[in-house]
Amino acid sequence: MTIRLLITDDHGMMRAGLRAILSHEPAIEVVGEAANGAEAIRLATELKPDIVLLDIGMPGMDGIETTRRLKQAVSAITVLILTVYEDESLLREAIRAGAAGYVTKRGAEEELIDAILAVARGDMYIHPAITHLLLKELNPTIHPEAEAIASLTPRELEVMSFVVRGYTNRQIAETLFISSRTVEGHRASLLGKLGLKNRVELVEFAEKYGLFGR
């Protein structure tokens, strides 16, 4: 099924750039654009998009308050925050307000589609740099591990989340629409970057550092 998306950003050039990036993804349809929070709420109510891609730093009603009001107006809607801020406190506020993901503008071109597809499946998506900050705050003595996690690509983190949940290579390949060989490559890269030997150690690592809600 096509994912219906509403873009919300107060900068017209940014909205145009996001639309251009998403135009190459057949699974995503941009159904509208909003320049501020009030307009986003109105269009979300009228157009019933599946996902609202929402800038956090808009003037007037910011992205956090807009997220709260969007969830009140259309409870089933999914909000993906787009921001220039790599700030764990803003991440917490966004999640408390009801956001399902948090992606930075500097990484938007590379990971935006992956983030949209992830939250559309019901998963949470958090930019790796923010994960790195959260880990440093939780335990300042784990710098090497935090650095290793921050080095993972969005796709590697996505594959890791499925491995941790017990998916086989074939199941991951079918879910992400990639080949089993590609999955094997991502798994090998994950183990190498994290200094681990097998799936058991990968699961233990994820549990130890609180990844993927485990």
N, C-alpha and C. Protein backbone atom coordinates (compact mmCIF):
# COMPACT_ATOMS: atom_id res chain seq x y z
N MET A 1 0.84 -1.20 0.00
CA MET A 1 0.00 0.00 0.00
C MET A 1 0.88 1.26 0.00
N THR A 2 0.39 2.30 -0.65
CA THR A 2 1.13 3.56 -0.70
C THR A 2 1.01 4.29 0.63
N ILE A 3 2.14 4.85 1.09
CA ILE A 3 2.17 5.62 2.33
C ILE A 3 1.85 7.07 1.99
N ARG A 4 0.78 7.60 2.54
CA ARG A 4 0.36 8.98 2.29
C ARG A 4 1.05 9.90 3.31
N LEU A 5 1.74 10.93 2.79
CA LEU A 5 2.61 11.75 3.63
C LEU A 5 2.28 13.23 3.50
N LEU A 6 2.25 13.92 4.64
CA LEU A 6 2.09 15.37 4.67
C LEU A 6 3.40 15.99 5.14
N ILE A 7 3.99 16.88 4.34
CA ILE A 7 5.24 17.56 4.69
C ILE A 7 4.91 18.87 5.41
N THR A 8 5.54 19.10 6.55
CA THR A 8 5.33 20.36 7.29
C THR A 8 6.67 21.00 7.62
N ASP A 9 6.93 22.16 7.03
CA ASP A 9 8.16 22.91 7.27
C ASP A 9 7.90 24.35 6.89
N ASP A 10 8.42 25.28 7.67
CA ASP A 10 8.13 26.69 7.39
C ASP A 10 8.97 27.25 6.25
N HIS A 11 9.94 26.49 5.74
CA HIS A 11 10.76 26.95 4.63
C HIS A 11 10.32 26.27 3.33
N GLY A 12 9.90 27.07 2.37
CA GLY A 12 9.41 26.54 1.11
C GLY A 12 10.46 25.73 0.37
N MET A 13 11.72 26.18 0.40
CA MET A 13 12.78 25.45 -0.31
C MET A 13 13.02 24.08 0.32
N MET A 14 12.88 24.00 1.65
CA MET A 14 13.05 22.72 2.32
C MET A 14 11.92 21.77 1.93
N ARG A 15 10.71 22.28 1.87
CA ARG A 15 9.58 21.44 1.47
C ARG A 15 9.77 20.92 0.05
N ALA A 16 10.25 21.80 -0.83
CA ALA A 16 10.49 21.40 -2.22
C ALA A 16 11.59 20.33 -2.30
N GLY A 17 12.64 20.50 -1.49
CA GLY A 17 13.72 19.52 -1.48
C GLY A 17 13.26 18.17 -0.97
N LEU A 18 12.45 18.19 0.08
CA LEU A 18 11.93 16.93 0.62
C LEU A 18 11.02 16.24 -0.39
N ARG A 19 10.19 17.01 -1.05
CA ARG A 19 9.31 16.43 -2.06
C ARG A 19 10.12 15.80 -3.19
N ALA A 20 11.22 16.46 -3.58
CA ALA A 20 12.07 15.93 -4.64
C ALA A 20 12.70 14.60 -4.23
N ILE A 21 13.18 14.53 -2.98
CA ILE A 21 13.77 13.28 -2.48
C ILE A 21 12.74 12.16 -2.50
N LEU A 22 11.54 12.46 -2.04
CA LEU A 22 10.51 11.43 -1.90
C LEU A 22 9.86 11.05 -3.23
N SER A 23 10.02 11.89 -4.23
CA SER A 23 9.39 11.61 -5.52
C SER A 23 9.95 10.36 -6.19
N HIS A 24 11.14 9.93 -5.76
CA HIS A 24 11.77 8.74 -6.35
C HIS A 24 11.36 7.46 -5.66
N GLU A 25 10.54 7.55 -4.62
CA GLU A 25 10.12 6.37 -3.86
C GLU A 25 8.66 6.05 -4.18
N PRO A 26 8.41 4.98 -4.96
CA PRO A 26 7.04 4.68 -5.37
C PRO A 26 6.10 4.32 -4.23
N ALA A 27 6.65 3.92 -3.08
CA ALA A 27 5.80 3.52 -1.95
C ALA A 27 5.28 4.72 -1.17
N ILE A 28 5.76 5.93 -1.50
CA ILE A 28 5.38 7.13 -0.74
C ILE A 28 4.73 8.15 -1.66
N GLU A 29 3.59 8.68 -1.22
CA GLU A 29 2.88 9.72 -1.96
C GLU A 29 2.75 10.96 -1.08
N VAL A 30 3.32 12.07 -1.52
CA VAL A 30 3.16 13.33 -0.79
C VAL A 30 1.79 13.90 -1.14
N VAL A 31 0.90 13.96 -0.15
CA VAL A 31 -0.48 14.39 -0.41
C VAL A 31 -0.70 15.87 -0.09
N GLY A 32 0.28 16.51 0.55
CA GLY A 32 0.11 17.92 0.86
C GLY A 32 1.33 18.50 1.55
N GLU A 33 1.36 19.83 1.64
CA GLU A 33 2.43 20.56 2.32
C GLU A 33 1.83 21.61 3.24
N ALA A 34 2.44 21.77 4.40
CA ALA A 34 2.00 22.79 5.35
C ALA A 34 3.20 23.64 5.76
N ALA A 35 2.95 24.93 5.98
CA ALA A 35 4.02 25.85 6.33
C ALA A 35 4.10 26.13 7.82
N ASN A 36 3.12 25.65 8.60
CA ASN A 36 3.14 25.88 10.04
C ASN A 36 2.28 24.83 10.73
N GLY A 37 2.32 24.83 12.06
CA GLY A 37 1.62 23.82 12.82
C GLY A 37 0.11 23.84 12.64
N ALA A 38 -0.48 25.05 12.65
CA ALA A 38 -1.93 25.16 12.50
C ALA A 38 -2.38 24.60 11.15
N GLU A 39 -1.61 24.91 10.11
CA GLU A 39 -1.95 24.41 8.78
C GLU A 39 -1.79 22.89 8.72
N ALA A 40 -0.78 22.37 9.40
CA ALA A 40 -0.56 20.92 9.44
C ALA A 40 -1.75 20.21 10.07
N ILE A 41 -2.26 20.76 11.16
CA ILE A 41 -3.41 20.15 11.85
C ILE A 41 -4.64 20.19 10.95
N ARG A 42 -4.85 21.32 10.29
CA ARG A 42 -6.01 21.43 9.40
C ARG A 42 -5.92 20.44 8.25
N LEU A 43 -4.75 20.38 7.59
CA LEU A 43 -4.60 19.48 6.44
C LEU A 43 -4.63 18.01 6.87
N ALA A 44 -4.07 17.71 8.04
CA ALA A 44 -4.09 16.34 8.52
C ALA A 44 -5.52 15.88 8.76
N THR A 45 -6.35 16.78 9.27
CA THR A 45 -7.76 16.46 9.51
C THR A 45 -8.51 16.26 8.19
N GLU A 46 -8.18 17.08 7.19
CA GLU A 46 -8.86 17.01 5.90
C GLU A 46 -8.36 15.85 5.04
N LEU A 47 -7.03 15.69 4.96
CA LEU A 47 -6.43 14.75 4.00
C LEU A 47 -6.21 13.35 4.58
N LYS A 48 -6.19 13.24 5.91
CA LYS A 48 -5.98 11.95 6.58
C LYS A 48 -4.72 11.23 6.07
N PRO A 49 -3.56 11.89 6.12
CA PRO A 49 -2.32 11.20 5.72
C PRO A 49 -1.96 10.12 6.73
N ASP A 50 -1.12 9.18 6.31
CA ASP A 50 -0.64 8.16 7.24
C ASP A 50 0.45 8.73 8.15
N ILE A 51 1.28 9.60 7.58
CA ILE A 51 2.43 10.15 8.32
C ILE A 51 2.51 11.65 8.08
N VAL A 52 2.83 12.38 9.14
CA VAL A 52 3.17 13.80 9.02
C VAL A 52 4.67 13.94 9.28
N LEU A 53 5.39 14.41 8.28
CA LEU A 53 6.81 14.73 8.43
C LEU A 53 6.88 16.16 8.92
N LEU A 54 7.41 16.37 10.12
CA LEU A 54 7.19 17.63 10.83
C LEU A 54 8.50 18.26 11.32
N ASP A 55 8.75 19.49 10.88
CA ASP A 55 9.89 20.25 11.37
C ASP A 55 9.66 20.65 12.82
N ILE A 56 10.66 20.45 13.67
CA ILE A 56 10.49 20.73 15.09
C ILE A 56 10.66 22.21 15.41
N GLY A 57 11.39 22.95 14.56
CA GLY A 57 11.77 24.32 14.91
C GLY A 57 10.95 25.41 14.24
N MET A 58 9.68 25.18 14.01
CA MET A 58 8.86 26.20 13.35
C MET A 58 8.52 27.35 14.29
N PRO A 59 8.40 28.58 13.77
CA PRO A 59 7.98 29.70 14.63
C PRO A 59 6.53 29.56 15.03
N GLY A 60 6.16 30.22 16.12
CA GLY A 60 4.79 30.09 16.62
C GLY A 60 4.61 28.76 17.31
N MET A 61 3.71 27.94 16.81
CA MET A 61 3.50 26.61 17.38
C MET A 61 4.63 25.69 16.92
N ASP A 62 5.50 25.28 17.84
CA ASP A 62 6.64 24.46 17.43
C ASP A 62 6.21 23.02 17.16
N GLY A 63 7.19 22.21 16.72
CA GLY A 63 6.88 20.83 16.35
C GLY A 63 6.40 19.96 17.49
N ILE A 64 6.86 20.24 18.71
CA ILE A 64 6.43 19.44 19.86
C ILE A 64 4.95 19.66 20.13
N GLU A 65 4.54 20.93 20.21
CA GLU A 65 3.12 21.24 20.47
C GLU A 65 2.26 20.79 19.30
N THR A 66 2.77 20.96 18.08
CA THR A 66 2.01 20.50 16.91
C THR A 66 1.79 19.00 16.96
N THR A 67 2.81 18.27 17.39
CA THR A 67 2.68 16.81 17.51
C THR A 67 1.58 16.46 18.50
N ARG A 68 1.56 17.11 19.65
CA ARG A 68 0.52 16.85 20.65
C ARG A 68 -0.87 17.07 20.06
N ARG A 69 -1.02 18.20 19.37
CA ARG A 69 -2.35 18.54 18.85
C ARG A 69 -2.74 17.64 17.68
N LEU A 70 -1.75 17.23 16.88
CA LEU A 70 -2.04 16.30 15.79
C LEU A 70 -2.57 14.97 16.34
N LYS A 71 -1.92 14.48 17.39
CA LYS A 71 -2.33 13.20 17.98
C LYS A 71 -3.71 13.31 18.62
N GLN A 72 -4.05 14.50 19.13
CA GLN A 72 -5.38 14.70 19.69
C GLN A 72 -6.43 14.77 18.57
N ALA A 73 -6.06 15.42 17.47
CA ALA A 73 -7.01 15.60 16.36
C ALA A 73 -7.22 14.32 15.56
N VAL A 74 -6.13 13.60 15.30
CA VAL A 74 -6.18 12.36 14.52
C VAL A 74 -5.31 11.34 15.23
N SER A 75 -5.89 10.61 16.16
CA SER A 75 -5.10 9.77 17.06
C SER A 75 -4.27 8.70 16.33
N ALA A 76 -4.76 8.24 15.18
CA ALA A 76 -4.07 7.16 14.47
C ALA A 76 -2.90 7.66 13.63
N ILE A 77 -2.71 8.96 13.55
CA ILE A 77 -1.68 9.50 12.67
C ILE A 77 -0.29 9.24 13.25
N THR A 78 0.69 9.09 12.37
CA THR A 78 2.08 8.88 12.78
C THR A 78 2.87 10.14 12.49
N VAL A 79 3.65 10.59 13.46
CA VAL A 79 4.46 11.81 13.30
C VAL A 79 5.94 11.45 13.29
N LEU A 80 6.63 11.91 12.24
CA LEU A 80 8.08 11.75 12.13
C LEU A 80 8.70 13.13 12.21
N ILE A 81 9.49 13.37 13.27
CA ILE A 81 10.11 14.68 13.48
C ILE A 81 11.34 14.82 12.60
N LEU A 82 11.47 15.98 11.96
CA LEU A 82 12.64 16.34 11.16
C LEU A 82 13.25 17.59 11.79
N THR A 83 14.55 17.54 12.09
CA THR A 83 15.13 18.64 12.85
C THR A 83 16.61 18.84 12.55
N VAL A 84 17.10 20.04 12.83
CA VAL A 84 18.53 20.30 12.74
C VAL A 84 19.21 20.03 14.09
N TYR A 85 18.39 19.78 15.13
CA TYR A 85 18.93 19.66 16.48
C TYR A 85 19.22 18.20 16.85
N GLU A 86 20.45 17.91 17.20
CA GLU A 86 20.81 16.59 17.71
C GLU A 86 20.84 16.70 19.24
N ASP A 87 19.66 16.68 19.81
CA ASP A 87 19.47 17.00 21.22
C ASP A 87 18.59 15.94 21.86
N GLU A 88 19.15 15.21 22.85
CA GLU A 88 18.39 14.13 23.45
C GLU A 88 17.18 14.62 24.26
N SER A 89 17.25 15.84 24.80
CA SER A 89 16.11 16.36 25.56
C SER A 89 14.93 16.65 24.62
N LEU A 90 15.22 17.16 23.43
CA LEU A 90 14.16 17.38 22.45
C LEU A 90 13.58 16.05 21.97
N LEU A 91 14.44 15.05 21.84
CA LEU A 91 13.96 13.71 21.46
C LEU A 91 12.95 13.21 22.48
N ARG A 92 13.29 13.33 23.76
CA ARG A 92 12.39 12.86 24.82
C ARG A 92 11.05 13.61 24.75
N GLU A 93 11.12 14.93 24.57
CA GLU A 93 9.89 15.72 24.49
C GLU A 93 9.05 15.27 23.30
N ALA A 94 9.70 15.03 22.17
CA ALA A 94 8.98 14.63 20.96
C ALA A 94 8.29 13.28 21.16
N ILE A 95 8.99 12.34 21.78
CA ILE A 95 8.41 11.02 22.00
C ILE A 95 7.25 11.10 23.00
N ARG A 96 7.43 11.90 24.06
CA ARG A 96 6.34 12.08 25.03
C ARG A 96 5.12 12.71 24.37
N ALA A 97 5.37 13.58 23.38
CA ALA A 97 4.25 14.23 22.69
C ALA A 97 3.54 13.27 21.72
N GLY A 98 4.22 12.15 21.39
CA GLY A 98 3.58 11.16 20.52
C GLY A 98 4.29 10.88 19.22
N ALA A 99 5.49 11.46 19.01
CA ALA A 99 6.23 11.21 17.77
C ALA A 99 6.74 9.78 17.72
N ALA A 100 6.81 9.23 16.51
CA ALA A 100 7.29 7.86 16.33
C ALA A 100 8.71 7.81 15.82
N GLY A 101 9.28 8.96 15.46
CA GLY A 101 10.64 8.96 14.94
C GLY A 101 11.25 10.33 14.99
N TYR A 102 12.59 10.36 14.84
CA TYR A 102 13.34 11.60 14.99
C TYR A 102 14.54 11.50 14.05
N VAL A 103 14.51 12.27 12.96
CA VAL A 103 15.58 12.22 11.97
C VAL A 103 16.13 13.63 11.77
N THR A 104 17.45 13.75 11.59
CA THR A 104 18.05 15.07 11.44
C THR A 104 18.10 15.49 9.97
N LYS A 105 18.05 16.80 9.75
CA LYS A 105 18.06 17.31 8.39
C LYS A 105 19.38 17.03 7.68
N ARG A 106 20.48 16.97 8.43
CA ARG A 106 21.76 16.73 7.77
C ARG A 106 21.85 15.32 7.21
N GLY A 107 21.03 14.41 7.75
CA GLY A 107 21.05 13.05 7.24
C GLY A 107 19.82 12.70 6.43
N ALA A 108 19.00 13.74 6.14
CA ALA A 108 17.69 13.48 5.55
C ALA A 108 17.78 12.77 4.21
N GLU A 109 18.68 13.20 3.34
CA GLU A 109 18.71 12.63 2.00
C GLU A 109 19.05 11.14 2.03
N GLU A 110 19.97 10.75 2.95
CA GLU A 110 20.41 9.36 3.01
C GLU A 110 19.42 8.47 3.74
N GLU A 111 18.75 8.98 4.76
CA GLU A 111 17.98 8.09 5.62
C GLU A 111 16.49 8.39 5.70
N LEU A 112 16.05 9.44 5.06
CA LEU A 112 14.66 9.85 5.21
C LEU A 112 13.68 8.76 4.79
N ILE A 113 13.92 8.17 3.63
CA ILE A 113 12.99 7.13 3.16
C ILE A 113 13.00 5.93 4.09
N ASP A 114 14.20 5.53 4.56
CA ASP A 114 14.28 4.43 5.52
C ASP A 114 13.48 4.75 6.78
N ALA A 115 13.58 6.00 7.24
CA ALA A 115 12.86 6.41 8.45
C ALA A 115 11.35 6.36 8.24
N ILE A 116 10.90 6.84 7.09
CA ILE A 116 9.46 6.83 6.79
C ILE A 116 8.94 5.40 6.72
N LEU A 117 9.67 4.53 6.02
CA LEU A 117 9.24 3.14 5.90
C LEU A 117 9.22 2.45 7.26
N ALA A 118 10.19 2.79 8.12
CA ALA A 118 10.26 2.18 9.45
C ALA A 118 9.05 2.56 10.30
N VAL A 119 8.73 3.86 10.37
CA VAL A 119 7.60 4.27 11.22
C VAL A 119 6.27 3.82 10.61
N ALA A 120 6.23 3.69 9.27
CA ALA A 120 5.00 3.19 8.64
C ALA A 120 4.73 1.75 9.03
N ARG A 121 5.80 0.98 9.31
CA ARG A 121 5.64 -0.41 9.76
C ARG A 121 5.27 -0.50 11.23
N GLY A 122 5.31 0.63 11.92
CA GLY A 122 5.01 0.61 13.35
C GLY A 122 6.25 0.60 14.22
N ASP A 123 7.44 0.69 13.60
CA ASP A 123 8.68 0.75 14.36
C ASP A 123 8.99 2.20 14.74
N MET A 124 9.90 2.37 15.69
CA MET A 124 10.39 3.70 16.03
C MET A 124 11.72 3.92 15.32
N TYR A 125 11.94 5.14 14.84
CA TYR A 125 13.20 5.45 14.17
C TYR A 125 13.86 6.62 14.87
N ILE A 126 15.12 6.42 15.27
CA ILE A 126 15.89 7.48 15.91
C ILE A 126 17.23 7.60 15.21
N HIS A 127 17.60 8.81 14.84
CA HIS A 127 18.87 9.03 14.16
C HIS A 127 20.02 8.51 15.01
N PRO A 128 20.99 7.80 14.41
CA PRO A 128 22.09 7.20 15.17
C PRO A 128 22.85 8.18 16.06
N ALA A 129 23.01 9.42 15.62
CA ALA A 129 23.74 10.39 16.44
C ALA A 129 23.02 10.67 17.76
N ILE A 130 21.69 10.62 17.74
CA ILE A 130 20.93 10.85 18.97
C ILE A 130 21.05 9.63 19.87
N THR A 131 21.03 8.44 19.29
CA THR A 131 21.25 7.23 20.07
C THR A 131 22.59 7.32 20.79
N HIS A 132 23.58 7.81 20.08
CA HIS A 132 24.92 7.99 20.66
C HIS A 132 24.88 8.92 21.87
N LEU A 133 24.17 10.05 21.75
CA LEU A 133 24.07 11.00 22.87
C LEU A 133 23.36 10.38 24.06
N LEU A 134 22.30 9.64 23.81
CA LEU A 134 21.55 9.00 24.89
C LEU A 134 22.42 8.01 25.64
N LEU A 135 23.20 7.23 24.91
CA LEU A 135 24.07 6.25 25.55
C LEU A 135 25.13 6.94 26.41
N LYS A 136 25.68 8.02 25.91
CA LYS A 136 26.69 8.75 26.69
C LYS A 136 26.10 9.30 27.97
N GLU A 137 24.84 9.76 27.90
CA GLU A 137 24.20 10.30 29.09
C GLU A 137 23.89 9.20 30.10
N LEU A 138 23.42 8.06 29.61
CA LEU A 138 23.06 6.96 30.50
C LEU A 138 24.28 6.38 31.21
N ASN A 139 25.38 6.31 30.50
CA ASN A 139 26.59 5.73 31.08
C ASN A 139 27.81 6.34 30.41
N PRO A 140 28.40 7.38 31.01
CA PRO A 140 29.52 8.09 30.39
C PRO A 140 30.78 7.24 30.24
N THR A 141 30.80 6.04 30.80
CA THR A 141 32.00 5.21 30.70
C THR A 141 31.99 4.32 29.46
N ILE A 142 30.94 4.40 28.63
CA ILE A 142 30.85 3.46 27.50
C ILE A 142 31.16 4.14 26.17
N HIS A 143 32.08 5.09 26.20
CA HIS A 143 32.40 5.82 24.98
C HIS A 143 32.75 4.93 23.78
N PRO A 144 33.59 3.91 23.93
CA PRO A 144 33.91 3.09 22.75
C PRO A 144 32.68 2.43 22.13
N GLU A 145 31.80 1.90 22.98
CA GLU A 145 30.60 1.27 22.47
C GLU A 145 29.67 2.29 21.82
N ALA A 146 29.56 3.47 22.45
CA ALA A 146 28.71 4.51 21.89
C ALA A 146 29.23 4.97 20.53
N GLU A 147 30.54 5.09 20.43
CA GLU A 147 31.14 5.47 19.15
C GLU A 147 30.86 4.42 18.09
N ALA A 148 30.94 3.14 18.49
CA ALA A 148 30.69 2.05 17.55
C ALA A 148 29.25 2.10 17.06
N ILE A 149 28.31 2.33 17.98
CA ILE A 149 26.90 2.41 17.61
C ILE A 149 26.66 3.60 16.68
N ALA A 150 27.30 4.73 17.00
CA ALA A 150 27.13 5.92 16.16
C ALA A 150 27.68 5.72 14.76
N SER A 151 28.59 4.76 14.59
CA SER A 151 29.18 4.50 13.27
C SER A 151 28.27 3.65 12.39
N LEU A 152 27.23 3.05 12.98
CA LEU A 152 26.34 2.20 12.20
C LEU A 152 25.46 3.04 11.28
N THR A 153 25.23 2.54 10.09
CA THR A 153 24.33 3.24 9.16
C THR A 153 22.88 2.99 9.57
N PRO A 154 21.96 3.84 9.11
CA PRO A 154 20.54 3.60 9.42
C PRO A 154 20.08 2.21 9.00
N ARG A 155 20.53 1.73 7.85
CA ARG A 155 20.13 0.40 7.40
C ARG A 155 20.69 -0.69 8.31
N GLU A 156 21.95 -0.52 8.77
CA GLU A 156 22.54 -1.51 9.68
C GLU A 156 21.77 -1.55 11.00
N LEU A 157 21.37 -0.38 11.50
CA LEU A 157 20.57 -0.35 12.73
C LEU A 157 19.23 -1.03 12.52
N GLU A 158 18.65 -0.83 11.34
CA GLU A 158 17.37 -1.44 11.05
C GLU A 158 17.49 -2.97 11.02
N VAL A 159 18.54 -3.46 10.32
CA VAL A 159 18.78 -4.90 10.27
C VAL A 159 19.04 -5.44 11.67
N MET A 160 19.81 -4.69 12.46
CA MET A 160 20.11 -5.12 13.82
C MET A 160 18.83 -5.27 14.64
N SER A 161 17.90 -4.35 14.47
CA SER A 161 16.65 -4.42 15.25
C SER A 161 15.88 -5.70 14.93
N PHE A 162 15.91 -6.13 13.67
CA PHE A 162 15.22 -7.36 13.28
C PHE A 162 15.97 -8.59 13.78
N VAL A 163 17.30 -8.56 13.72
CA VAL A 163 18.10 -9.68 14.22
C VAL A 163 17.82 -9.89 15.70
N VAL A 164 17.78 -8.79 16.45
CA VAL A 164 17.53 -8.86 17.89
C VAL A 164 16.16 -9.46 18.19
N ARG A 165 15.20 -9.22 17.31
CA ARG A 165 13.85 -9.76 17.51
C ARG A 165 13.70 -11.19 16.99
N GLY A 166 14.80 -11.76 16.52
CA GLY A 166 14.77 -13.17 16.13
C GLY A 166 14.45 -13.46 14.68
N TYR A 167 14.41 -12.44 13.83
CA TYR A 167 14.14 -12.66 12.42
C TYR A 167 15.30 -13.39 11.76
N THR A 168 15.01 -14.27 10.82
CA THR A 168 16.05 -14.92 10.03
C THR A 168 16.48 -13.98 8.91
N ASN A 169 17.61 -14.29 8.26
CA ASN A 169 18.06 -13.48 7.13
C ASN A 169 16.98 -13.38 6.05
N ARG A 170 16.33 -14.50 5.79
CA ARG A 170 15.30 -14.51 4.75
C ARG A 170 14.12 -13.62 5.14
N GLN A 171 13.69 -13.68 6.41
CA GLN A 171 12.58 -12.85 6.86
C GLN A 171 12.93 -11.37 6.79
N ILE A 172 14.17 -11.04 7.17
CA ILE A 172 14.60 -9.64 7.10
C ILE A 172 14.61 -9.17 5.65
N ALA A 173 15.13 -10.01 4.77
CA ALA A 173 15.20 -9.67 3.35
C ALA A 173 13.81 -9.40 2.78
N GLU A 174 12.85 -10.26 3.14
CA GLU A 174 11.49 -10.10 2.64
C GLU A 174 10.83 -8.84 3.21
N THR A 175 11.11 -8.54 4.48
CA THR A 175 10.51 -7.36 5.12
C THR A 175 11.05 -6.06 4.54
N LEU A 176 12.37 -6.03 4.26
CA LEU A 176 13.02 -4.81 3.79
C LEU A 176 13.14 -4.75 2.27
N PHE A 177 12.66 -5.80 1.59
CA PHE A 177 12.72 -5.86 0.13
C PHE A 177 14.15 -5.75 -0.39
N ILE A 178 15.05 -6.51 0.25
CA ILE A 178 16.43 -6.60 -0.19
C ILE A 178 16.79 -8.08 -0.27
N SER A 179 17.96 -8.38 -0.82
CA SER A 179 18.35 -9.78 -0.98
C SER A 179 18.91 -10.34 0.33
N SER A 180 18.87 -11.67 0.47
CA SER A 180 19.45 -12.32 1.65
C SER A 180 20.96 -12.06 1.72
N ARG A 181 21.60 -12.00 0.57
CA ARG A 181 23.04 -11.72 0.55
C ARG A 181 23.33 -10.32 1.10
N THR A 182 22.46 -9.37 0.78
CA THR A 182 22.64 -8.01 1.32
C THR A 182 22.47 -8.02 2.83
N VAL A 183 21.48 -8.77 3.31
CA VAL A 183 21.28 -8.89 4.76
C VAL A 183 22.53 -9.48 5.41
N GLU A 184 23.08 -10.53 4.82
CA GLU A 184 24.28 -11.15 5.36
C GLU A 184 25.43 -10.15 5.43
N GLY A 185 25.52 -9.30 4.41
CA GLY A 185 26.56 -8.27 4.41
C GLY A 185 26.38 -7.28 5.54
N HIS A 186 25.13 -6.88 5.78
CA HIS A 186 24.86 -5.94 6.87
C HIS A 186 25.16 -6.59 8.22
N ARG A 187 24.80 -7.85 8.38
CA ARG A 187 25.07 -8.55 9.64
C ARG A 187 26.56 -8.65 9.90
N ALA A 188 27.32 -8.98 8.86
CA ALA A 188 28.77 -9.08 9.01
C ALA A 188 29.37 -7.73 9.39
N SER A 189 28.85 -6.67 8.75
CA SER A 189 29.34 -5.32 9.05
C SER A 189 29.02 -4.94 10.49
N LEU A 190 27.79 -5.28 10.94
CA LEU A 190 27.39 -5.00 12.32
C LEU A 190 28.33 -5.66 13.32
N LEU A 191 28.56 -6.94 13.13
CA LEU A 191 29.42 -7.69 14.06
C LEU A 191 30.82 -7.12 14.07
N GLY A 192 31.32 -6.76 12.89
CA GLY A 192 32.67 -6.22 12.80
C GLY A 192 32.80 -4.88 13.51
N LYS A 193 31.84 -3.96 13.26
CA LYS A 193 31.91 -2.63 13.88
C LYS A 193 31.76 -2.70 15.39
N LEU A 194 30.94 -3.63 15.87
CA LEU A 194 30.67 -3.72 17.31
C LEU A 194 31.61 -4.68 18.03
N GLY A 195 32.47 -5.36 17.27
CA GLY A 195 33.42 -6.29 17.88
C GLY A 195 32.76 -7.51 18.47
N LEU A 196 31.72 -8.01 17.81
CA LEU A 196 30.96 -9.15 18.30
C LEU A 196 31.16 -10.35 17.37
N LYS A 197 30.79 -11.54 17.87
CA LYS A 197 31.05 -12.76 17.11
C LYS A 197 29.81 -13.37 16.48
N ASN A 198 28.64 -13.22 17.11
CA ASN A 198 27.46 -13.92 16.62
C ASN A 198 26.19 -13.22 17.08
N ARG A 199 25.03 -13.80 16.71
CA ARG A 199 23.74 -13.21 17.03
C ARG A 199 23.52 -13.12 18.54
N VAL A 200 23.94 -14.15 19.27
CA VAL A 200 23.75 -14.15 20.73
C VAL A 200 24.42 -12.94 21.36
N GLU A 201 25.65 -12.66 20.95
CA GLU A 201 26.37 -11.50 21.49
C GLU A 201 25.70 -10.20 21.05
N LEU A 202 25.12 -10.20 19.84
CA LEU A 202 24.44 -9.01 19.35
C LEU A 202 23.20 -8.70 20.20
N VAL A 203 22.44 -9.74 20.53
CA VAL A 203 21.26 -9.58 21.38
C VAL A 203 21.67 -9.09 22.77
N GLU A 204 22.72 -9.68 23.32
CA GLU A 204 23.20 -9.28 24.65
C GLU A 204 23.65 -7.82 24.64
N PHE A 205 24.32 -7.41 23.55
CA PHE A 205 24.79 -6.04 23.42
C PHE A 205 23.59 -5.08 23.41
N ALA A 206 22.56 -5.42 22.62
CA ALA A 206 21.37 -4.56 22.53
C ALA A 206 20.68 -4.45 23.87
N GLU A 207 20.60 -5.56 24.62
CA GLU A 207 19.97 -5.53 25.94
C GLU A 207 20.79 -4.72 26.93
N LYS A 208 22.10 -4.87 26.86
CA LYS A 208 22.98 -4.17 27.81
C LYS A 208 22.85 -2.66 27.69
N TYR A 209 22.75 -2.16 26.44
CA TYR A 209 22.74 -0.73 26.22
C TYR A 209 21.35 -0.17 25.92
N GLY A 210 20.32 -1.00 26.13
CA GLY A 210 18.95 -0.52 26.03
C GLY A 210 18.50 -0.13 24.64
N LEU A 211 19.02 -0.80 23.62
CA LEU A 211 18.63 -0.49 22.26
C LEU A 211 17.30 -1.15 21.92
N PHE A 212 16.52 -0.51 21.07
CA PHE A 212 15.28 -1.07 20.52
C PHE A 212 14.27 -1.43 21.61
N GLY A 213 14.35 -0.75 22.75
CA GLY A 213 13.37 -0.94 23.81
C GLY A 213 13.49 -2.25 24.55
N ARG A 214 14.63 -2.92 24.42
CA ARG A 214 14.78 -4.20 25.09
C ARG A 214 15.31 -3.99 26.51
